PDB file of N, CA and C in Angstrom:
ATOM      1  N   VAL A   1       0.742  -1.133   0.039  1.00  0.00           N
ATOM      2  CA  VAL A   1       0.186   0.062  -0.076  1.00  0.00           C
ATOM      3  C   VAL A   1       0.610   1.485  -0.041  1.00  0.00           C
ATOM      4  N   ARG A   2       2.219   1.319   0.825  1.00  0.00           N
ATOM      5  CA  ARG A   2       2.834   2.279   0.752  1.00  0.00           C
ATOM      6  C   ARG A   2       3.731   2.890  -0.373  1.00  0.00           C
ATOM      7  N   GLY A   3       3.871   2.111  -1.086  1.00  0.00           N
ATOM      8  CA  GLY A   3       4.314   1.992  -2.112  1.00  0.00           C
ATOM      9  C   GLY A   3       3.627   2.666  -3.311  1.00  0.00           C
ATOM     10  N   ARG A   4       2.289   1.926  -3.266  1.00  0.00           N
ATOM     11  CA  ARG A   4       1.076   2.943  -4.187  1.00  0.00           C
ATOM     12  C   ARG A   4       0.871   4.397  -3.898  1.00  0.00           C
ATOM     13  N   LYS A   5       0.621   4.633  -2.834  1.00  0.00           N
ATOM     14  CA  LYS A   5       1.105   6.022  -2.163  1.00  0.00           C
ATOM     15  C   LYS A   5       2.150   6.793  -2.596  1.00  0.00           C
ATOM     16  N   GLN A   6       3.118   6.252  -2.331  1.00  0.00           N
ATOM     17  CA  GLN A   6       4.153   7.203  -3.215  1.00  0.00           C
ATOM     18  C   GLN A   6       3.947   7.311  -4.372  1.00  0.00           C
ATOM     19  N   GLY A   7       3.763   6.969  -5.333  1.00  0.00           N
ATOM     20  CA  GLY A   7       3.920   6.617  -6.395  1.00  0.00           C
ATOM     21  C   GLY A   7       2.818   7.462  -6.985  1.00  0.00           C
ATOM     22  N   ARG A   8       1.620   8.175  -6.552  1.00  0.00           N
ATOM     23  CA  ARG A   8       0.849   9.103  -6.548  1.00  0.00           C
ATOM     24  C   ARG A   8       1.690  10.326  -6.056  1.00  0.00           C
ATOM     25  N   LYS A   9       1.518  10.371  -4.746  1.00  0.00           N
ATOM     26  CA  LYS A   9       2.391  11.375  -4.853  1.00  0.00           C
ATOM     27  C   LYS A   9       3.197  12.090  -5.957  1.00  0.00           C
ATOM     28  N   LYS A  10       4.176  11.605  -6.428  1.00  0.00           N
ATOM     29  CA  LYS A  10       5.450  11.533  -7.039  1.00  0.00           C
ATOM     30  C   LYS A  10       4.391  12.648  -8.228  1.00  0.00           C
ATOM     31  N   LYS A  11       3.319  11.785  -9.247  1.00  0.00           N
ATOM     32  CA  LYS A  11       2.695  11.873 -10.512  1.00  0.00           C
ATOM     33  C   LYS A  11       2.284  13.455  -9.690  1.00  0.00           C
ATOM     34  N   ARG A  12       1.887  13.666  -8.671  1.00  0.00           N
ATOM     35  CA  ARG A  12       1.424  15.011  -8.485  1.00  0.00           C
ATOM     36  C   ARG A  12       2.008  15.810  -8.728  1.00  0.00           C
ATOM     37  N   LYS A  13       3.401  15.549  -8.139  1.00  0.00           N
ATOM     38  CA  LYS A  13       4.814  16.421  -8.120  1.00  0.00           C
ATOM     39  C   LYS A  13       4.971  17.416  -8.976  1.00  0.00           C
ATOM     40  N   GLU A  14       4.796  16.732 -10.349  1.00  0.00           N
ATOM     41  CA  GLU A  14       5.264  16.295 -11.906  1.00  0.00           C
ATOM     42  C   GLU A  14       4.389  17.830 -12.023  1.00  0.00           C
ATOM     43  N   GLY A  15       3.111  17.487 -12.222  1.00  0.00           N
ATOM     44  CA  GLY A  15       1.750  18.476 -12.880  1.00  0.00           C
ATOM     45  C   GLY A  15       2.017  19.745 -11.827  1.00  0.00           C
ATOM     46  N   ARG A  16       2.678  19.666 -11.254  1.00  0.00           N
ATOM     47  CA  ARG A  16       2.367  21.081 -10.271  1.00  0.00           C
ATOM     48  C   ARG A  16       2.657  22.556 -10.180  1.00  0.00           C
ATOM     49  N   LYS A  17       3.807  22.194 -11.454  1.00  0.00           N
ATOM     50  CA  LYS A  17       4.129  24.006 -11.698  1.00  0.00           C
ATOM     51  C   LYS A  17       3.136  24.301 -12.402  1.00  0.00           C
ATOM     52  N   GLU A  18       2.153  24.419 -13.414  1.00  0.00           N
ATOM     53  CA  GLU A  18       1.080  24.929 -13.947  1.00  0.00           C
ATOM     54  C   GLU A  18       0.034  25.190 -12.545  1.00  0.00           C
ATOM     55  N   GLU A  19       0.279  24.533 -11.716  1.00  0.00           N
ATOM     56  CA  GLU A  19      -0.939  24.223 -10.982  1.00  0.00           C
ATOM     57  C   GLU A  19      -0.582  25.629  -9.878  1.00  0.00           C
ATOM     58  N   LYS A  20       0.537  25.502  -9.919  1.00  0.00           N
ATOM     59  CA  LYS A  20       0.786  26.774  -8.104  1.00  0.00           C
ATOM     60  C   LYS A  20      -0.076  27.283  -8.384  1.00  0.00           C
ATOM     61  N   GLY A  21       0.103  28.426  -9.534  1.00  0.00           N
ATOM     62  CA  GLY A  21      -0.524  30.028  -9.372  1.00  0.00           C
ATOM     63  C   GLY A  21      -2.195  29.889  -9.051  1.00  0.00           C
ATOM     64  N   ASN A  22      -3.024  28.860  -9.543  1.00  0.00           N
ATOM     65  CA  ASN A  22      -3.978  28.129  -9.695  1.00  0.00           C
ATOM     66  C   ASN A  22      -4.873  27.765  -8.921  1.00  0.00           C
ATOM     67  N   LYS A  23      -4.247  27.307  -7.716  1.00  0.00           N
ATOM     68  CA  LYS A  23      -5.004  26.526  -6.768  1.00  0.00           C
ATOM     69  C   LYS A  23      -5.907  27.035  -5.662  1.00  0.00           C
ATOM     70  N   LYS A  24      -6.081  28.172  -5.969  1.00  0.00           N
ATOM     71  CA  LYS A  24      -6.951  28.893  -5.020  1.00  0.00           C
ATOM     72  C   LYS A  24      -8.783  28.428  -6.058  1.00  0.00           C
ATOM     73  N   GLU A  25      -8.028  29.046  -7.594  1.00  0.00           N
ATOM     74  CA  GLU A  25      -9.207  28.510  -8.516  1.00  0.00           C
ATOM     75  C   GLU A  25      -9.769  27.090  -8.537  1.00  0.00           C
ATOM     76  N   ARG A  26      -8.399  25.992  -8.191  1.00  0.00           N
ATOM     77  CA  ARG A  26      -8.923  24.474  -8.356  1.00  0.00           C
ATOM     78  C   ARG A  26     -10.042  24.414  -6.849  1.00  0.00           C
ATOM     79  N   GLU A  27     -10.012  24.966  -6.349  1.00  0.00           N
ATOM     80  CA  GLU A  27     -10.450  25.066  -4.597  1.00  0.00           C
ATOM     81  C   GLU A  27     -11.934  25.661  -4.893  1.00  0.00           C
ATOM     82  N   GLY A  28     -12.242  26.441  -5.562  1.00  0.00           N
ATOM     83  CA  GLY A  28     -13.490  27.105  -6.118  1.00  0.00           C
ATOM     84  C   GLY A  28     -14.375  25.994  -6.666  1.00  0.00           C
ATOM     85  N   ASP A  29     -13.413  25.390  -7.763  1.00  0.00           N
ATOM     86  CA  ASP A  29     -13.975  24.718  -8.664  1.00  0.00           C
ATOM     87  C   ASP A  29     -14.371  23.085  -7.921  1.00  0.00           C
ATOM     88  N   ARG A  30     -13.822  23.283  -7.561  1.00  0.00           N
ATOM     89  CA  ARG A  30     -14.334  21.808  -6.307  1.00  0.00           C
ATOM     90  C   ARG A  30     -15.551  21.814  -5.742  1.00  0.00           C
ATOM     91  N   ARG A  31     -15.712  23.538  -4.828  1.00  0.00           N
ATOM     92  CA  ARG A  31     -16.420  23.904  -3.998  1.00  0.00           C
ATOM     93  C   ARG A  31     -17.652  23.888  -4.073  1.00  0.00           C
ATOM     94  N   GLU A  32     -17.665  24.709  -5.862  1.00  0.00           N
ATOM     95  CA  GLU A  32     -18.814  24.387  -7.234  1.00  0.00           C
ATOM     96  C   GLU A  32     -18.818  23.139  -6.939  1.00  0.00           C
ATOM     97  N   GLY A  33     -18.471  22.515  -7.428  1.00  0.00           N
ATOM     98  CA  GLY A  33     -19.297  21.018  -7.774  1.00  0.00           C
ATOM     99  C   GLY A  33     -19.496  20.305  -6.506  1.00  0.00           C
ATOM    100  N   GLN A  34     -19.460  20.286  -5.390  1.00  0.00           N
ATOM    101  CA  GLN A  34     -19.919  19.794  -3.799  1.00  0.00           C
ATOM    102  C   GLN A  34     -21.338  20.760  -4.036  1.00  0.00           C
ATOM    103  N   ARG A  35     -21.470  22.385  -4.102  1.00  0.00           N
ATOM    104  CA  ARG A  35     -22.483  22.444  -4.223  1.00  0.00           C
ATOM    105  C   ARG A  35     -23.573  22.281  -5.234  1.00  0.00           C
ATOM    106  N   LYS A  36     -23.269  21.815  -6.321  1.00  0.00           N
ATOM    107  CA  LYS A  36     -24.117  21.568  -7.333  1.00  0.00           C
ATOM    108  C   LYS A  36     -24.911  19.630  -6.709  1.00  0.00           C
ATOM    109  N   GLU A  37     -23.784  18.731  -6.388  1.00  0.00           N
ATOM    110  CA  GLU A  37     -23.937  17.837  -5.875  1.00  0.00           C
ATOM    111  C   GLU A  37     -25.564  17.697  -4.973  1.00  0.00           C
ATOM    112  N   ARG A  38     -25.335  18.407  -4.150  1.00  0.00           N
ATOM    113  CA  ARG A  38     -26.313  19.531  -2.925  1.00  0.00           C
ATOM    114  C   ARG A  38     -27.428  19.412  -2.951  1.00  0.00           C
ATOM    115  N   ARG A  39     -27.190  20.281  -4.199  1.00  0.00           N
ATOM    116  CA  ARG A  39     -28.473  20.927  -5.602  1.00  0.00           C
ATOM    117  C   ARG A  39     -29.501  19.737  -5.761  1.00  0.00           C
ATOM    118  N   LYS A  40     -29.131  18.711  -6.389  1.00  0.00           N
ATOM    119  CA  LYS A  40     -29.176  17.785  -7.105  1.00  0.00           C
ATOM    120  C   LYS A  40     -29.859  16.507  -6.119  1.00  0.00           C
ATOM    121  N   ARG A  41     -29.090  16.579  -5.023  1.00  0.00           N
ATOM    122  CA  ARG A  41     -29.377  15.840  -4.040  1.00  0.00           C
ATOM    123  C   ARG A  41     -31.140  16.052  -3.637  1.00  0.00           C
ATOM    124  N   LYS A  42     -30.697  17.361  -2.890  1.00  0.00           N
ATOM    125  CA  LYS A  42     -31.904  17.925  -2.688  1.00  0.00           C
ATOM    126  C   LYS A  42     -33.434  17.613  -3.488  1.00  0.00           C
ATOM    127  N   GLU A  43     -32.963  18.360  -4.647  1.00  0.00           N
ATOM    128  CA  GLU A  43     -33.898  18.007  -5.273  1.00  0.00           C
ATOM    129  C   GLU A  43     -34.604  16.546  -5.814  1.00  0.00           C
ATOM    130  N   ARG A  44     -33.341  15.414  -5.923  1.00  0.00           N
ATOM    131  CA  ARG A  44     -34.160  14.135  -5.613  1.00  0.00           C
ATOM    132  C   ARG A  44     -34.700  14.133  -4.885  1.00  0.00           C
ATOM    133  N   GLU A  45     -34.430  14.474  -3.550  1.00  0.00           N
ATOM    134  CA  GLU A  45     -35.272  13.950  -2.603  1.00  0.00           C
ATOM    135  C   GLU A  45     -36.230  14.241  -2.247  1.00  0.00           C
ATOM    136  N   GLY A  46     -36.884  15.866  -2.070  1.00  0.00           N
ATOM    137  CA  GLY A  46     -38.009  16.320  -2.024  1.00  0.00           C
ATOM    138  C   GLY A  46     -38.713  17.289  -2.532  1.00  0.00           C
ATOM    139  N   GLY A  47     -38.256  17.015  -4.071  1.00  0.00           N
ATOM    140  CA  GLY A  47     -38.107  18.806  -5.224  1.00  0.00           C
ATOM    141  C   GLY A  47     -37.473  19.491  -4.517  1.00  0.00           C
ATOM    142  N   ARG A  48     -37.727  20.213  -5.714  1.00  0.00           N
ATOM    143  CA  ARG A  48     -37.353  22.174  -5.297  1.00  0.00           C
ATOM    144  C   ARG A  48     -38.475  22.390  -4.395  1.00  0.00           C
ATOM    145  N   ARG A  49     -38.159  22.933  -3.036  1.00  0.00           N
ATOM    146  CA  ARG A  49     -39.173  23.757  -2.326  1.00  0.00           C
ATOM    147  C   ARG A  49     -38.882  24.847  -2.598  1.00  0.00           C
TER     148      ARG A  49
END
């Protein structure tokens, strides 16, 4: 298991140079995605209120 985790870390570090500047942008995107998911879930559960 340990080896796999390390490999993933290394791969991530490779593509980091481009990503360094827009880390906050990426975070925002993730938050948007979560919000969308939540909205979908609400719609599925009890329709629109």
